[in-house]
């Protein structure tokens, strides 16, 4: 049951990413793509600061002790937000997010298969391959419908 709850939370998180893409795409058209990404991250940082002050139990003072590759998440997130802000006005939320999801899936199966970044390995199977092929087919249909 706990795994179902986590799966539902991930589903809702994905819904939030689509909303974020739509909102940020509009913001980027109004104030500029890089500026929109900055504003998005700044407001998110303020929110996380408030959450950390209320619920945080970790220690920021130990961040210097983590492997440096652990710090690229923010860079990857900034690149993601910037690219989505550029893409959404040109290809729409559905095409942009479908492409993002497929990109996430491709990298996810690689990370899972090899157990990169300290994660347990989950091997690539023919069922996962079929899932990826169907997602590519979905991207084709979603994108070709608009253009």
C-alpha atoms as a PDB file:
ATOM      1  CA  UNK A   1       0.000   0.000   0.000  1.00  0.00           C
ATOM      2  CA  UNK A   2       2.854   2.401   0.782  1.00  0.00           C
ATOM      3  CA  UNK A   3       4.244   1.907  -2.746  1.00  0.00           C
ATOM      4  CA  UNK A   4       0.849   2.780  -4.235  1.00  0.00           C
ATOM      5  CA  UNK A   5       0.814   6.030  -2.245  1.00  0.00           C
ATOM      6  CA  UNK A   6       4.328   6.866  -3.460  1.00  0.00           C
ATOM      7  CA  UNK A   7       3.274   6.062  -7.039  1.00  0.00           C
ATOM      8  CA  UNK A   8       0.268   8.387  -6.704  1.00  0.00           C
ATOM      9  CA  UNK A   9       2.484  11.130  -5.272  1.00  0.00           C
ATOM     10  CA  UNK A  10       4.809  10.748  -8.277  1.00  0.00           C
ATOM     11  CA  UNK A  11       1.777  10.937 -10.585  1.00  0.00           C
ATOM     12  CA  UNK A  12       0.654  14.173  -8.936  1.00  0.00           C
ATOM     13  CA  UNK A  13       4.210  15.498  -9.157  1.00  0.00           C
ATOM     14  CA  UNK A  14       4.119  14.881 -12.903  1.00  0.00           C
ATOM     15  CA  UNK A  15       0.846  16.774 -13.100  1.00  0.00           C
ATOM     16  CA  UNK A  16       2.543  19.619 -11.281  1.00  0.00           C
ATOM     17  CA  UNK A  17       5.391  19.587 -13.812  1.00  0.00           C
ATOM     18  CA  UNK A  18       2.898  20.056 -16.638  1.00  0.00           C
ATOM     19  CA  UNK A  19       1.322  22.967 -14.799  1.00  0.00           C
ATOM     20  CA  UNK A  20       4.803  24.359 -14.144  1.00  0.00           C
ATOM     21  CA  UNK A  21       5.648  24.102 -17.855  1.00  0.00           C
ATOM     22  CA  UNK A  22       2.489  25.939 -18.873  1.00  0.00           C
ATOM     23  CA  UNK A  23       2.949  28.679 -16.259  1.00  0.00           C
ATOM     24  CA  UNK A  24       6.670  29.092 -16.936  1.00  0.00           C
ATOM     25  CA  UNK A  25       6.139  29.102 -20.712  1.00  0.00           C
ATOM     26  CA  UNK A  26       3.768  32.035 -20.355  1.00  0.00           C
ATOM     27  CA  UNK A  27       6.118  33.769 -17.910  1.00  0.00           C
ATOM     28  CA  UNK A  28       9.046  33.334 -20.302  1.00  0.00           C
ATOM     29  CA  UNK A  29       7.077  34.889 -23.178  1.00  0.00           C
ATOM     30  CA  UNK A  30       6.343  37.907 -21.004  1.00  0.00           C
ATOM     31  CA  UNK A  31       9.713  38.553 -19.350  1.00  0.00           C
ATOM     32  CA  UNK A  32      12.244  36.471 -21.312  1.00  0.00           C
ATOM     33  CA  UNK A  33      13.257  32.810 -21.153  1.00  0.00           C
ATOM     34  CA  UNK A  34      16.310  33.096 -18.908  1.00  0.00           C
ATOM     35  CA  UNK A  35      14.585  35.685 -16.744  1.00  0.00           C
ATOM     36  CA  UNK A  36      11.549  33.401 -16.430  1.00  0.00           C
ATOM     37  CA  UNK A  37      13.765  30.498 -15.388  1.00  0.00           C
ATOM     38  CA  UNK A  38      15.460  32.727 -12.813  1.00  0.00           C
ATOM     39  CA  UNK A  39      12.155  33.930 -11.357  1.00  0.00           C
ATOM     40  CA  UNK A  40      10.875  30.341 -11.237  1.00  0.00           C
ATOM     41  CA  UNK A  41      13.954  29.117  -9.364  1.00  0.00           C
ATOM     42  CA  UNK A  42      14.033  32.160  -7.080  1.00  0.00           C
ATOM     43  CA  UNK A  43      10.425  31.727  -5.975  1.00  0.00           C
ATOM     44  CA  UNK A  44      11.024  27.991  -5.578  1.00  0.00           C
ATOM     45  CA  UNK A  45      14.118  28.690  -3.478  1.00  0.00           C
ATOM     46  CA  UNK A  46      12.153  31.010  -1.205  1.00  0.00           C
ATOM     47  CA  UNK A  47       9.468  28.336  -0.785  1.00  0.00           C
ATOM     48  CA  UNK A  48      12.084  25.662   0.002  1.00  0.00           C
ATOM     49  CA  UNK A  49      13.751  27.988   2.515  1.00  0.00           C
ATOM     50  CA  UNK A  50      10.426  28.344   4.330  1.00  0.00           C
ATOM     51  CA  UNK A  51       9.837  24.561   4.213  1.00  0.00           C
ATOM     52  CA  UNK A  52      13.360  23.931   5.480  1.00  0.00           C
ATOM     53  CA  UNK A  53      12.910  26.322   8.395  1.00  0.00           C
ATOM     54  CA  UNK A  54       9.650  24.635   9.375  1.00  0.00           C
ATOM     55  CA  UNK A  55      10.286  20.934   8.649  1.00  0.00           C
ATOM     56  CA  UNK A  56      13.998  20.584   7.906  1.00  0.00           C
ATOM     57  CA  UNK A  57      15.979  18.042   9.910  1.00  0.00           C
ATOM     58  CA  UNK A  58      19.196  17.880   7.888  1.00  0.00           C
ATOM     59  CA  UNK A  59      22.342  19.962   8.046  1.00  0.00           C
ATOM     60  CA  UNK A  60      23.388  22.392   5.322  1.00  0.00           C
ATOM     61  CA  UNK A  61      26.787  22.673   6.994  1.00  0.00           C
ATOM     62  CA  UNK A  62      27.687  19.186   5.702  1.00  0.00           C
ATOM     63  CA  UNK A  63      27.081  20.033   2.024  1.00  0.00           C
ATOM     64  CA  UNK A  64      30.831  20.535   1.566  1.00  0.00           C
ATOM     65  CA  UNK A  65      31.382  16.881   2.475  1.00  0.00           C
ATOM     66  CA  UNK A  66      29.207  15.342  -0.242  1.00  0.00           C
ATOM     67  CA  UNK A  67      30.677  14.178  -3.553  1.00  0.00           C
ATOM     68  CA  UNK A  68      30.689  17.124  -5.967  1.00  0.00           C
ATOM     69  CA  UNK A  69      28.530  15.256  -8.495  1.00  0.00           C
ATOM     70  CA  UNK A  70      25.720  15.405  -5.899  1.00  0.00           C
ATOM     71  CA  UNK A  71      25.530  19.145  -6.545  1.00  0.00           C
ATOM     72  CA  UNK A  72      24.613  19.016 -10.252  1.00  0.00           C
ATOM     73  CA  UNK A  73      20.896  18.499  -9.569  1.00  0.00           C
ATOM     74  CA  UNK A  74      20.273  22.234  -9.373  1.00  0.00           C
ATOM     75  CA  UNK A  75      22.153  22.803 -12.625  1.00  0.00           C
ATOM     76  CA  UNK A  76      20.156  20.069 -14.354  1.00  0.00           C
ATOM     77  CA  UNK A  77      16.926  21.522 -12.950  1.00  0.00           C
ATOM     78  CA  UNK A  78      17.802  25.007 -14.214  1.00  0.00           C
ATOM     79  CA  UNK A  79      18.571  23.635 -17.674  1.00  0.00           C
ATOM     80  CA  UNK A  80      15.281  21.714 -17.662  1.00  0.00           C
ATOM     81  CA  UNK A  81      13.211  24.765 -16.682  1.00  0.00           C
ATOM     82  CA  UNK A  82      14.988  26.988 -19.215  1.00  0.00           C
ATOM     83  CA  UNK A  83      14.469  24.510 -22.083  1.00  0.00           C
ATOM     84  CA  UNK A  84      10.811  23.947 -21.186  1.00  0.00           C
ATOM     85  CA  UNK A  85      10.270  27.708 -21.103  1.00  0.00           C
ATOM     86  CA  UNK A  86      11.737  27.875 -24.618  1.00  0.00           C
ATOM     87  CA  UNK A  87       9.856  24.832 -25.924  1.00  0.00           C
ATOM     88  CA  UNK A  88       6.313  25.302 -24.616  1.00  0.00           C
ATOM     89  CA  UNK A  89       5.445  28.439 -26.626  1.00  0.00           C
ATOM     90  CA  UNK A  90       6.800  26.812 -29.807  1.00  0.00           C
ATOM     91  CA  UNK A  91       5.512  23.218 -29.596  1.00  0.00           C
ATOM     92  CA  UNK A  92       2.907  23.330 -26.806  1.00  0.00           C
ATOM     93  CA  UNK A  93       2.791  21.829 -23.334  1.00  0.00           C
ATOM     94  CA  UNK A  94       1.767  18.337 -24.488  1.00  0.00           C
ATOM     95  CA  UNK A  95       4.591  17.894 -27.004  1.00  0.00           C
ATOM     96  CA  UNK A  96       7.176  19.432 -24.678  1.00  0.00           C
ATOM     97  CA  UNK A  97       6.199  17.331 -21.673  1.00  0.00           C
ATOM     98  CA  UNK A  98       5.872  14.144 -23.758  1.00  0.00           C
ATOM     99  CA  UNK A  99       9.427  14.701 -25.021  1.00  0.00           C
ATOM    100  CA  UNK A 100      10.609  15.436 -21.472  1.00  0.00           C
ATOM    101  CA  UNK A 101       8.991  12.249 -20.183  1.00  0.00           C
ATOM    102  CA  UNK A 102      10.599  10.156 -22.924  1.00  0.00           C
ATOM    103  CA  UNK A 103      13.974  11.742 -22.174  1.00  0.00           C
ATOM    104  CA  UNK A 104      13.443  10.974 -18.493  1.00  0.00           C
ATOM    105  CA  UNK A 105      12.533   7.380 -19.299  1.00  0.00           C
ATOM    106  CA  UNK A 106      15.565   6.822 -21.511  1.00  0.00           C
ATOM    107  CA  UNK A 107      17.958   8.104 -18.865  1.00  0.00           C
ATOM    108  CA  UNK A 108      15.998   6.346 -16.106  1.00  0.00           C
ATOM    109  CA  UNK A 109      16.322   2.906 -17.693  1.00  0.00           C
ATOM    110  CA  UNK A 110      20.065   3.505 -18.141  1.00  0.00           C
ATOM    111  CA  UNK A 111      20.476   4.628 -14.518  1.00  0.00           C
ATOM    112  CA  UNK A 112      18.320   1.740 -13.296  1.00  0.00           C
ATOM    113  CA  UNK A 113      20.103  -0.865 -15.409  1.00  0.00           C
ATOM    114  CA  UNK A 114      23.586   0.098 -14.252  1.00  0.00           C
ATOM    115  CA  UNK A 115      22.639   1.229 -10.739  1.00  0.00           C
ATOM    116  CA  UNK A 116      24.316   4.603 -11.253  1.00  0.00           C
ATOM    117  CA  UNK A 117      24.443   7.328  -8.592  1.00  0.00           C
ATOM    118  CA  UNK A 118      24.195   4.851  -5.735  1.00  0.00           C
ATOM    119  CA  UNK A 119      20.840   3.396  -6.788  1.00  0.00           C
ATOM    120  CA  UNK A 120      19.982  -0.292  -6.760  1.00  0.00           C
ATOM    121  CA  UNK A 121      20.039  -1.824 -10.252  1.00  0.00           C
ATOM    122  CA  UNK A 122      16.769  -2.698 -11.998  1.00  0.00           C
ATOM    123  CA  UNK A 123      17.697  -4.414 -15.225  1.00  0.00           C
ATOM    124  CA  UNK A 124      16.444  -3.391 -18.645  1.00  0.00           C
ATOM    125  CA  UNK A 125      13.894  -5.917 -19.876  1.00  0.00           C
ATOM    126  CA  UNK A 126      11.906  -6.411 -23.051  1.00  0.00           C
ATOM    127  CA  UNK A 127       8.826  -5.057 -21.229  1.00  0.00           C
ATOM    128  CA  UNK A 128      10.641  -1.805 -20.540  1.00  0.00           C
ATOM    129  CA  UNK A 129      11.751  -1.714 -24.178  1.00  0.00           C
ATOM    130  CA  UNK A 130       8.138  -2.116 -25.328  1.00  0.00           C
ATOM    131  CA  UNK A 131       7.128   0.703 -22.963  1.00  0.00           C
ATOM    132  CA  UNK A 132       9.751   3.022 -24.452  1.00  0.00           C
ATOM    133  CA  UNK A 133       8.755   2.146 -28.022  1.00  0.00           C
ATOM    134  CA  UNK A 134       5.114   2.895 -27.195  1.00  0.00           C
ATOM    135  CA  UNK A 135       6.132   6.225 -25.632  1.00  0.00           C
ATOM    136  CA  UNK A 136       8.017   7.148 -28.825  1.00  0.00           C
ATOM    137  CA  UNK A 137       4.908   6.252 -30.804  1.00  0.00           C
ATOM    138  CA  UNK A 138       2.909   8.467 -28.472  1.00  0.00           C
ATOM    139  CA  UNK A 139       5.317  11.365 -29.020  1.00  0.00           C
ATOM    140  CA  UNK A 140       4.983  10.917 -32.777  1.00  0.00           C
ATOM    141  CA  UNK A 141       1.182  11.074 -32.596  1.00  0.00           C
ATOM    142  CA  UNK A 142       1.108  13.951 -30.106  1.00  0.00           C
ATOM    143  CA  UNK A 143       3.652  16.054 -32.011  1.00  0.00           C
ATOM    144  CA  UNK A 144       2.406  15.295 -35.545  1.00  0.00           C
ATOM    145  CA  UNK A 145      -1.140  16.256 -34.564  1.00  0.00           C
ATOM    146  CA  UNK A 146      -0.003  19.796 -33.829  1.00  0.00           C
ATOM    147  CA  UNK A 147       2.202  20.271 -36.902  1.00  0.00           C
END
